[in-house]
Amino acid sequence: MYIGIIMKINNRIKKLIGTIVIPLWLILFIGIVAIVAEILLPGLNGLMVFFFYLIAGLIWIIPILPIISWMQREN
């Protein structure tokens, strides 16, 4: 019974939740990347630094995709 109530969230509320969660995730992710970069990057050459930031710049979207999908889904 409670699952049915949770699943019937208004689309505007879903978008509001996503609008709050996505920037919070990005702030957390950027902090994690900065810490990892501080540890790993001083010993790497320029090409490895480039690949580190390339991968970090693409990986953040993977956890966001289900949230975006949920936000766009109709009730």
Protein backbone atom coordinates (compact mmCIF):
# COMPACT_ATOMS: atom_id res chain seq x y z
CA MET A 1 0.00 0.00 0.00
CA TYR A 2 2.76 2.45 0.91
CA ILE A 3 4.70 1.60 -2.26
CA GLY A 4 1.73 2.67 -4.37
CA ILE A 5 1.62 6.00 -2.57
CA ILE A 6 5.36 6.54 -3.04
CA MET A 7 5.21 5.66 -6.73
CA LYS A 8 2.47 8.25 -7.39
CA ILE A 9 4.65 11.28 -6.78
CA ASN A 10 3.68 14.34 -8.78
CA ASN A 11 6.01 15.00 -11.74
CA ARG A 12 6.79 18.50 -10.46
CA ILE A 13 7.87 17.03 -7.11
CA LYS A 14 10.05 14.46 -8.90
CA LYS A 15 11.78 17.20 -10.85
CA LEU A 16 12.26 19.21 -7.68
CA ILE A 17 13.84 16.21 -5.95
CA GLY A 18 16.11 15.61 -8.95
CA THR A 19 17.04 19.28 -9.09
CA ILE A 20 18.22 19.03 -5.49
CA VAL A 21 19.85 15.58 -5.63
CA ILE A 22 21.87 16.08 -8.84
CA PRO A 23 23.84 19.16 -7.68
CA LEU A 24 24.44 17.55 -4.27
CA TRP A 25 25.81 14.46 -6.00
CA LEU A 26 28.04 16.61 -8.20
CA ILE A 27 29.47 18.47 -5.20
CA LEU A 28 30.20 15.16 -3.46
CA PHE A 29 31.70 13.66 -6.61
CA ILE A 30 33.92 16.68 -7.27
CA GLY A 31 35.19 16.47 -3.69
CA ILE A 32 36.02 12.78 -4.10
CA VAL A 33 37.78 13.42 -7.43
CA ALA A 34 39.78 16.27 -5.88
CA ILE A 35 40.94 14.06 -3.00
CA VAL A 36 41.87 11.20 -5.32
CA ALA A 37 43.64 13.61 -7.69
CA GLU A 38 45.64 15.06 -4.82
CA ILE A 39 46.85 11.56 -3.94
CA LEU A 40 47.43 10.10 -7.42
CA LEU A 41 48.30 12.91 -9.82
CA PRO A 42 51.59 14.27 -8.48
CA GLY A 43 53.37 11.09 -9.58
CA LEU A 44 51.76 10.82 -13.03
CA ASN A 45 52.77 12.26 -16.38
CA GLY A 46 50.62 14.68 -18.40
CA LEU A 47 48.91 12.00 -20.49
CA MET A 48 47.83 10.04 -17.43
CA VAL A 49 46.51 13.23 -15.80
CA PHE A 50 44.51 13.90 -18.98
CA PHE A 51 42.99 10.39 -18.89
CA PHE A 52 42.23 10.70 -15.17
CA TYR A 53 40.21 13.87 -15.72
CA LEU A 54 38.63 12.49 -18.89
CA ILE A 55 37.36 9.41 -17.06
CA ALA A 56 36.31 11.42 -13.99
CA GLY A 57 34.49 13.86 -16.26
CA LEU A 58 32.46 11.05 -17.83
CA ILE A 59 31.85 8.76 -14.84
CA TRP A 60 29.74 11.22 -12.85
CA ILE A 61 26.78 10.73 -15.18
CA ILE A 62 26.40 6.96 -14.54
CA PRO A 63 24.72 7.31 -11.10
CA ILE A 64 22.66 10.27 -12.37
CA LEU A 65 21.04 8.40 -15.29
CA PRO A 66 18.52 6.47 -13.14
CA ILE A 67 17.50 9.69 -11.39
CA ILE A 68 16.98 11.47 -14.71
CA SER A 69 15.01 8.49 -16.01
CA TRP A 70 12.85 8.47 -12.88
CA MET A 71 12.27 12.22 -13.15
CA GLN A 72 11.06 11.92 -16.75
CA ARG A 73 8.80 8.91 -16.20
CA GLU A 74 5.09 9.63 -16.08
CA ASN A 75 3.10 8.38 -13.08
